[in-house]
Amino acid sequence: MKKPLLTAFCLIGSALGQAVSADLRDELINAADNSQLNPLIPPIIVLPPDTEADYEVRTAGAHFFKQVISSTKPQTTQSRKFVPLKHARTKVTIPPRSTVLLNASFDAESRCSDNAGTTEGGWCEVRILINGAEGAPRASSFPPDTFAFDSTDSGNEGQASWESHAMSRHRCIKNNSDNFKTVEVAVEWKLTNFSAAADPEFWLDDWSLVVEMAEGCRMKKVVAPPK
């Protein structure tokens, strides 16, 4: 029963210029099985790695590592380019011949103040780099999308506009070598300003960076068929 559905998936993969690997075939079969076991679940299409999907799924086993870095010292920036948030970085080691799901979460007391009182939309951004690349969801990877950690609220946010905000990012990391692999996790921040007036000020305080690793990791990018 699943052969026609699997064939359709393979044809889609070929049309997108992607060879259908054994792992991909397994995922397609699983997708077909799930849709047939439960008719309420629509079939899914596995996309090539660099295609923006409706959603992504990462699956791993038990957690085996956790580290927490925190600070109670305020920092500010008015940079329009991503710059490191001081001290919000760490390095972890991946065991030889293994794959892990690396999870990084960040929370902070935040203020994105527009002292000029402009009405143009402006916001303050945060991203988490995992092994040199933005963790998922990769908001900056498909322009013009970005991830607003905080906002000037069209110029209404001032020096007393303190709020709490949080985010998390994820990435599968594979180590095919016989040695431990070092992976850096780093938080960067910047602001976006469309006004000709002075740049807003991005202020962070009382932040925490939590890094966790889980055994194994499988990732698939899927898109739901149109209704």
C-alpha atoms as a PDB file:
ATOM      1  CA  MET A   1       0.000   0.000   0.000  1.00  0.00           C
ATOM      2  CA  LYS A   2       2.835   2.423   0.686  1.00  0.00           C
ATOM      3  CA  LYS A   3       4.689   1.929  -2.605  1.00  0.00           C
ATOM      4  CA  PRO A   4       2.729   4.524  -4.635  1.00  0.00           C
ATOM      5  CA  LEU A   5       3.125   7.091  -1.880  1.00  0.00           C
ATOM      6  CA  LEU A   6       6.842   6.347  -1.524  1.00  0.00           C
ATOM      7  CA  THR A   7       7.272   6.568  -5.297  1.00  0.00           C
ATOM      8  CA  ALA A   8       5.609   9.983  -5.297  1.00  0.00           C
ATOM      9  CA  PHE A   9       7.971  11.195  -2.572  1.00  0.00           C
ATOM     10  CA  CYS A  10      10.988   9.927  -4.496  1.00  0.00           C
ATOM     11  CA  LEU A  11       9.818  11.667  -7.656  1.00  0.00           C
ATOM     12  CA  ILE A  12       9.462  14.912  -5.710  1.00  0.00           C
ATOM     13  CA  GLY A  13      12.991  14.515  -4.383  1.00  0.00           C
ATOM     14  CA  SER A  14      14.311  13.922  -7.893  1.00  0.00           C
ATOM     15  CA  ALA A  15      12.473  16.955  -9.220  1.00  0.00           C
ATOM     16  CA  LEU A  16      14.156  19.069  -6.580  1.00  0.00           C
ATOM     17  CA  GLY A  17      17.535  17.807  -7.753  1.00  0.00           C
ATOM     18  CA  GLN A  18      18.231  15.649  -4.692  1.00  0.00           C
ATOM     19  CA  ALA A  19      19.285  12.019  -4.706  1.00  0.00           C
ATOM     20  CA  VAL A  20      17.100   9.870  -2.455  1.00  0.00           C
ATOM     21  CA  SER A  21      19.451   8.337   0.111  1.00  0.00           C
ATOM     22  CA  ALA A  22      18.769   5.294   2.289  1.00  0.00           C
ATOM     23  CA  ASP A  23      18.116   7.525   5.294  1.00  0.00           C
ATOM     24  CA  LEU A  24      15.742   9.651   3.258  1.00  0.00           C
ATOM     25  CA  ARG A  25      13.914   6.539   2.049  1.00  0.00           C
ATOM     26  CA  ASP A  26      13.492   5.439   5.681  1.00  0.00           C
ATOM     27  CA  GLU A  27      12.038   8.805   6.589  1.00  0.00           C
ATOM     28  CA  LEU A  28       9.688   8.698   3.597  1.00  0.00           C
ATOM     29  CA  ILE A  29       8.520   5.226   4.582  1.00  0.00           C
ATOM     30  CA  ASN A  30       7.911   6.401   8.138  1.00  0.00           C
ATOM     31  CA  ALA A  31       5.943   9.350   6.790  1.00  0.00           C
ATOM     32  CA  ALA A  32       3.867   7.043   4.631  1.00  0.00           C
ATOM     33  CA  ASP A  33       3.257   4.642   7.527  1.00  0.00           C
ATOM     34  CA  ASN A  34       2.154   7.468   9.836  1.00  0.00           C
ATOM     35  CA  SER A  35      -0.314   8.881   7.317  1.00  0.00           C
ATOM     36  CA  GLN A  36      -1.843   5.468   6.639  1.00  0.00           C
ATOM     37  CA  LEU A  37      -2.098   4.447  10.291  1.00  0.00           C
ATOM     38  CA  ASN A  38      -3.878   7.695  11.105  1.00  0.00           C
ATOM     39  CA  PRO A  39      -5.833   9.215   8.183  1.00  0.00           C
ATOM     40  CA  LEU A  40      -6.172  12.468  10.137  1.00  0.00           C
ATOM     41  CA  ILE A  41      -2.417  13.075   9.788  1.00  0.00           C
ATOM     42  CA  PRO A  42      -1.666  14.540   6.327  1.00  0.00           C
ATOM     43  CA  PRO A  43       1.301  13.125   4.390  1.00  0.00           C
ATOM     44  CA  ILE A  44       4.537  15.086   4.636  1.00  0.00           C
ATOM     45  CA  ILE A  45       7.225  15.818   2.071  1.00  0.00           C
ATOM     46  CA  VAL A  46      10.876  15.736   3.069  1.00  0.00           C
ATOM     47  CA  LEU A  47      12.737  18.735   1.620  1.00  0.00           C
ATOM     48  CA  PRO A  48      16.374  19.244   0.576  1.00  0.00           C
ATOM     49  CA  PRO A  49      18.637  20.643   3.349  1.00  0.00           C
ATOM     50  CA  ASP A  50      18.759  24.260   2.123  1.00  0.00           C
ATOM     51  CA  THR A  51      15.053  24.676   1.449  1.00  0.00           C
ATOM     52  CA  GLU A  52      12.833  26.569   3.875  1.00  0.00           C
ATOM     53  CA  ALA A  53      10.277  24.147   5.276  1.00  0.00           C
ATOM     54  CA  ASP A  54       6.968  24.563   7.053  1.00  0.00           C
ATOM     55  CA  TYR A  55       8.633  23.034  10.095  1.00  0.00           C
ATOM     56  CA  GLU A  56      11.617  20.931  11.183  1.00  0.00           C
ATOM     57  CA  VAL A  57      11.750  17.953  13.533  1.00  0.00           C
ATOM     58  CA  ARG A  58      14.795  16.973  15.588  1.00  0.00           C
ATOM     59  CA  THR A  59      14.675  13.801  17.671  1.00  0.00           C
ATOM     60  CA  ALA A  60      17.232  12.595  20.219  1.00  0.00           C
ATOM     61  CA  GLY A  61      17.580  10.351  23.248  1.00  0.00           C
ATOM     62  CA  ALA A  62      18.492  11.028  26.866  1.00  0.00           C
ATOM     63  CA  HIS A  63      20.231  14.217  27.970  1.00  0.00           C
ATOM     64  CA  PHE A  64      23.747  13.654  29.288  1.00  0.00           C
ATOM     65  CA  PHE A  65      25.147  17.187  29.684  1.00  0.00           C
ATOM     66  CA  LYS A  66      23.990  20.536  31.039  1.00  0.00           C
ATOM     67  CA  GLN A  67      25.812  23.805  31.693  1.00  0.00           C
ATOM     68  CA  VAL A  68      24.440  27.146  32.872  1.00  0.00           C
ATOM     69  CA  ILE A  69      26.206  30.508  32.460  1.00  0.00           C
ATOM     70  CA  SER A  70      24.603  33.576  34.027  1.00  0.00           C
ATOM     71  CA  SER A  71      25.364  37.213  34.759  1.00  0.00           C
ATOM     72  CA  THR A  72      23.808  40.017  36.797  1.00  0.00           C
ATOM     73  CA  LYS A  73      25.884  42.798  35.215  1.00  0.00           C
ATOM     74  CA  PRO A  74      24.016  45.022  32.697  1.00  0.00           C
ATOM     75  CA  GLN A  75      25.360  45.483  29.169  1.00  0.00           C
ATOM     76  CA  THR A  76      24.289  47.798  26.341  1.00  0.00           C
ATOM     77  CA  THR A  77      24.883  47.998  22.599  1.00  0.00           C
ATOM     78  CA  GLN A  78      23.895  50.242  19.707  1.00  0.00           C
ATOM     79  CA  SER A  79      25.577  48.113  17.053  1.00  0.00           C
ATOM     80  CA  ARG A  80      23.737  47.480  13.788  1.00  0.00           C
ATOM     81  CA  LYS A  81      25.884  44.397  13.206  1.00  0.00           C
ATOM     82  CA  PHE A  82      25.883  41.268  15.326  1.00  0.00           C
ATOM     83  CA  VAL A  83      28.484  41.486  18.089  1.00  0.00           C
ATOM     84  CA  PRO A  84      29.241  39.047  20.937  1.00  0.00           C
ATOM     85  CA  LEU A  85      27.376  39.444  24.198  1.00  0.00           C
ATOM     86  CA  LYS A  86      30.236  39.534  26.687  1.00  0.00           C
ATOM     87  CA  HIS A  87      30.717  36.278  28.640  1.00  0.00           C
ATOM     88  CA  ALA A  88      27.716  34.607  26.939  1.00  0.00           C
ATOM     89  CA  ARG A  89      29.711  31.857  25.287  1.00  0.00           C
ATOM     90  CA  THR A  90      31.057  28.425  26.112  1.00  0.00           C
ATOM     91  CA  LYS A  91      32.686  25.383  24.541  1.00  0.00           C
ATOM     92  CA  VAL A  92      31.495  21.801  24.831  1.00  0.00           C
ATOM     93  CA  THR A  93      33.028  18.529  23.643  1.00  0.00           C
ATOM     94  CA  ILE A  94      31.305  15.943  21.468  1.00  0.00           C
ATOM     95  CA  PRO A  95      32.371  12.328  22.091  1.00  0.00           C
ATOM     96  CA  PRO A  96      34.119  10.464  19.245  1.00  0.00           C
ATOM     97  CA  ARG A  97      31.966   8.703  16.651  1.00  0.00           C
ATOM     98  CA  SER A  98      28.737  10.172  17.950  1.00  0.00           C
ATOM     99  CA  THR A  99      25.916  12.536  17.065  1.00  0.00           C
ATOM    100  CA  VAL A 100      24.241  14.804  19.599  1.00  0.00           C
ATOM    101  CA  LEU A 101      21.352  17.223  19.719  1.00  0.00           C
ATOM    102  CA  LEU A 102      22.718  20.448  21.146  1.00  0.00           C
ATOM    103  CA  ASN A 103      20.111  22.695  22.754  1.00  0.00           C
ATOM    104  CA  ALA A 104      20.877  26.272  23.817  1.00  0.00           C
ATOM    105  CA  SER A 105      18.408  28.545  25.593  1.00  0.00           C
ATOM    106  CA  PHE A 106      18.842  32.198  26.533  1.00  0.00           C
ATOM    107  CA  ASP A 107      16.745  34.434  28.752  1.00  0.00           C
ATOM    108  CA  ALA A 108      17.304  37.961  30.047  1.00  0.00           C
ATOM    109  CA  GLU A 109      15.838  41.125  31.422  1.00  0.00           C
ATOM    110  CA  SER A 110      15.652  43.303  28.331  1.00  0.00           C
ATOM    111  CA  ARG A 111      15.078  46.888  27.245  1.00  0.00           C
ATOM    112  CA  CYS A 112      14.954  48.141  23.652  1.00  0.00           C
ATOM    113  CA  SER A 113      14.552  51.871  24.204  1.00  0.00           C
ATOM    114  CA  ASP A 114      14.112  54.518  21.525  1.00  0.00           C
ATOM    115  CA  ASN A 115      15.120  57.724  23.264  1.00  0.00           C
ATOM    116  CA  ALA A 116      14.431  59.744  20.103  1.00  0.00           C
ATOM    117  CA  GLY A 117      10.742  58.787  20.260  1.00  0.00           C
ATOM    118  CA  THR A 118      10.527  57.940  16.545  1.00  0.00           C
ATOM    119  CA  THR A 119       7.509  56.130  15.149  1.00  0.00           C
ATOM    120  CA  GLU A 120       9.411  53.952  12.664  1.00  0.00           C
ATOM    121  CA  GLY A 121       9.579  50.285  13.547  1.00  0.00           C
ATOM    122  CA  GLY A 122      12.797  49.280  15.272  1.00  0.00           C
ATOM    123  CA  TRP A 123      13.771  46.174  17.165  1.00  0.00           C
ATOM    124  CA  CYS A 124      16.587  44.448  19.055  1.00  0.00           C
ATOM    125  CA  GLU A 125      17.873  41.077  17.878  1.00  0.00           C
ATOM    126  CA  VAL A 126      19.598  38.097  19.501  1.00  0.00           C
ATOM    127  CA  ARG A 127      20.982  34.998  17.829  1.00  0.00           C
ATOM    128  CA  ILE A 128      22.717  31.888  19.172  1.00  0.00           C
ATOM    129  CA  LEU A 129      25.577  30.433  17.151  1.00  0.00           C
ATOM    130  CA  ILE A 130      26.227  26.713  17.516  1.00  0.00           C
ATOM    131  CA  ASN A 131      29.519  25.573  15.992  1.00  0.00           C
ATOM    132  CA  GLY A 132      29.679  28.813  13.987  1.00  0.00           C
ATOM    133  CA  ALA A 133      26.158  28.654  12.527  1.00  0.00           C
ATOM    134  CA  GLU A 134      22.841  29.979  13.737  1.00  0.00           C
ATOM    135  CA  GLY A 135      20.842  27.382  15.619  1.00  0.00           C
ATOM    136  CA  ALA A 136      17.340  26.448  14.518  1.00  0.00           C
ATOM    137  CA  PRO A 137      15.012  28.103  13.940  1.00  0.00           C
ATOM    138  CA  ARG A 138      17.490  29.987  11.750  1.00  0.00           C
ATOM    139  CA  ALA A 139      15.595  33.242  11.540  1.00  0.00           C
ATOM    140  CA  SER A 140      18.365  35.078   9.663  1.00  0.00           C
ATOM    141  CA  SER A 141      18.897  32.359   7.050  1.00  0.00           C
ATOM    142  CA  PHE A 142      15.904  33.222   4.876  1.00  0.00           C
ATOM    143  CA  PRO A 143      15.862  37.039   4.369  1.00  0.00           C
ATOM    144  CA  PRO A 144      14.150  39.334   5.033  1.00  0.00           C
ATOM    145  CA  ASP A 145      13.193  37.337   8.133  1.00  0.00           C
ATOM    146  CA  THR A 146      14.912  38.169  11.433  1.00  0.00           C
ATOM    147  CA  PHE A 147      14.251  37.333  15.089  1.00  0.00           C
ATOM    148  CA  ALA A 148      13.191  40.257  17.286  1.00  0.00           C
ATOM    149  CA  PHE A 149      14.146  39.544  20.898  1.00  0.00           C
ATOM    150  CA  ASP A 150      12.647  42.904  21.913  1.00  0.00           C
ATOM    151  CA  SER A 151      11.073  45.915  20.200  1.00  0.00           C
ATOM    152  CA  THR A 152      10.958  49.710  20.490  1.00  0.00           C
ATOM    153  CA  ASP A 153       7.172  49.492  20.103  1.00  0.00           C
ATOM    154  CA  SER A 154       7.276  52.218  17.440  1.00  0.00           C
ATOM    155  CA  GLY A 155       9.286  54.521  19.691  1.00  0.00           C
ATOM    156  CA  ASN A 156       7.177  54.046  22.822  1.00  0.00           C
ATOM    157  CA  GLU A 157       9.768  52.049  24.769  1.00  0.00           C
ATOM    158  CA  GLY A 158      11.831  54.226  27.123  1.00  0.00           C
ATOM    159  CA  GLN A 159      14.497  53.902  29.806  1.00  0.00           C
ATOM    160  CA  ALA A 160      12.039  52.303  32.234  1.00  0.00           C
ATOM    161  CA  SER A 161      10.683  49.683  29.776  1.00  0.00           C
ATOM    162  CA  TRP A 162      12.166  46.587  31.402  1.00  0.00           C
ATOM    163  CA  GLU A 163      10.802  43.229  30.278  1.00  0.00           C
ATOM    164  CA  SER A 164      11.743  39.553  30.461  1.00  0.00           C
ATOM    165  CA  HIS A 165      12.340  37.652  27.209  1.00  0.00           C
ATOM    166  CA  ALA A 166      13.565  34.177  26.271  1.00  0.00           C
ATOM    167  CA  MET A 167      14.545  32.069  23.259  1.00  0.00           C
ATOM    168  CA  SER A 168      16.004  28.652  22.416  1.00  0.00           C
ATOM    169  CA  ARG A 169      17.995  27.289  19.484  1.00  0.00           C
ATOM    170  CA  HIS A 170      18.970  23.767  18.424  1.00  0.00           C
ATOM    171  CA  ARG A 171      21.361  21.926  16.134  1.00  0.00           C
ATOM    172  CA  CYS A 172      22.387  18.346  15.368  1.00  0.00           C
ATOM    173  CA  ILE A 173      26.163  17.985  15.656  1.00  0.00           C
ATOM    174  CA  LYS A 174      27.989  14.939  14.252  1.00  0.00           C
ATOM    175  CA  ASN A 175      31.512  13.880  15.173  1.00  0.00           C
ATOM    176  CA  ASN A 176      32.842  11.302  12.707  1.00  0.00           C
ATOM    177  CA  SER A 177      36.400  11.378  14.074  1.00  0.00           C
ATOM    178  CA  ASP A 178      38.093   9.233  16.701  1.00  0.00           C
ATOM    179  CA  ASN A 179      38.807  12.323  18.805  1.00  0.00           C
ATOM    180  CA  PHE A 180      36.661  14.624  20.907  1.00  0.00           C
ATOM    181  CA  LYS A 181      35.227  17.529  18.919  1.00  0.00           C
ATOM    182  CA  THR A 182      35.080  21.024  20.421  1.00  0.00           C
ATOM    183  CA  VAL A 183      31.952  23.035  19.643  1.00  0.00           C
ATOM    184  CA  GLU A 184      31.425  26.662  20.629  1.00  0.00           C
ATOM    185  CA  VAL A 185      28.065  28.118  21.624  1.00  0.00           C
ATOM    186  CA  ALA A 186      27.886  31.926  21.556  1.00  0.00           C
ATOM    187  CA  VAL A 187      25.213  34.598  21.945  1.00  0.00           C
ATOM    188  CA  GLU A 188      25.316  37.679  19.702  1.00  0.00           C
ATOM    189  CA  TRP A 189      23.132  40.777  19.655  1.00  0.00           C
ATOM    190  CA  LYS A 190      22.394  43.872  17.588  1.00  0.00           C
ATOM    191  CA  LEU A 191      19.646  46.352  16.778  1.00  0.00           C
ATOM    192  CA  THR A 192      17.701  47.233  13.649  1.00  0.00           C
ATOM    193  CA  ASN A 193      16.758  50.862  13.062  1.00  0.00           C
ATOM    194  CA  PHE A 194      14.896  52.256  10.050  1.00  0.00           C
ATOM    195  CA  SER A 195      14.840  55.791  11.427  1.00  0.00           C
ATOM    196  CA  ALA A 196      17.210  58.622  10.497  1.00  0.00           C
ATOM    197  CA  ALA A 197      17.268  59.568  14.180  1.00  0.00           C
ATOM    198  CA  ALA A 198      19.666  58.222  16.791  1.00  0.00           C
ATOM    199  CA  ASP A 199      19.861  54.456  17.150  1.00  0.00           C
ATOM    200  CA  PRO A 200      17.876  52.779  19.923  1.00  0.00           C
ATOM    201  CA  GLU A 201      19.751  51.325  22.888  1.00  0.00           C
ATOM    202  CA  PHE A 202      19.663  47.575  23.500  1.00  0.00           C
ATOM    203  CA  TRP A 203      20.113  46.777  27.204  1.00  0.00           C
ATOM    204  CA  LEU A 204      20.377  43.288  28.746  1.00  0.00           C
ATOM    205  CA  ASP A 205      20.708  42.262  32.376  1.00  0.00           C
ATOM    206  CA  ASP A 206      20.252  39.189  34.584  1.00  0.00           C
ATOM    207  CA  TRP A 207      20.735  36.782  31.679  1.00  0.00           C
ATOM    208  CA  SER A 208      21.261  33.020  31.566  1.00  0.00           C
ATOM    209  CA  LEU A 209      22.649  30.800  28.823  1.00  0.00           C
ATOM    210  CA  VAL A 210      21.765  27.123  29.234  1.00  0.00           C
ATOM    211  CA  VAL A 211      23.478  24.512  27.048  1.00  0.00           C
ATOM    212  CA  GLU A 212      22.321  20.895  26.977  1.00  0.00           C
ATOM    213  CA  MET A 213      23.236  17.840  24.916  1.00  0.00           C
ATOM    214  CA  ALA A 214      21.200  14.720  24.203  1.00  0.00           C
ATOM    215  CA  GLU A 215      22.324  11.399  22.742  1.00  0.00           C
ATOM    216  CA  GLY A 216      21.857  10.984  19.009  1.00  0.00           C
ATOM    217  CA  CYS A 217      19.994  13.311  16.666  1.00  0.00           C
ATOM    218  CA  ARG A 218      17.808  12.867  13.610  1.00  0.00           C
ATOM    219  CA  MET A 219      16.474  15.873  11.730  1.00  0.00           C
ATOM    220  CA  LYS A 220      13.958  16.183   8.929  1.00  0.00           C
ATOM    221  CA  LYS A 221      12.565  19.230   7.142  1.00  0.00           C
ATOM    222  CA  VAL A 222       8.967  18.827   6.116  1.00  0.00           C
ATOM    223  CA  VAL A 223       6.236  20.753   4.383  1.00  0.00           C
ATOM    224  CA  ALA A 224       2.559  20.038   4.706  1.00  0.00           C
ATOM    225  CA  PRO A 225       0.651  19.663   1.410  1.00  0.00           C
ATOM    226  CA  PRO A 226      -1.732  22.500   0.579  1.00  0.00           C
ATOM    227  CA  LYS A 227      -5.252  22.047   1.885  1.00  0.00           C
END
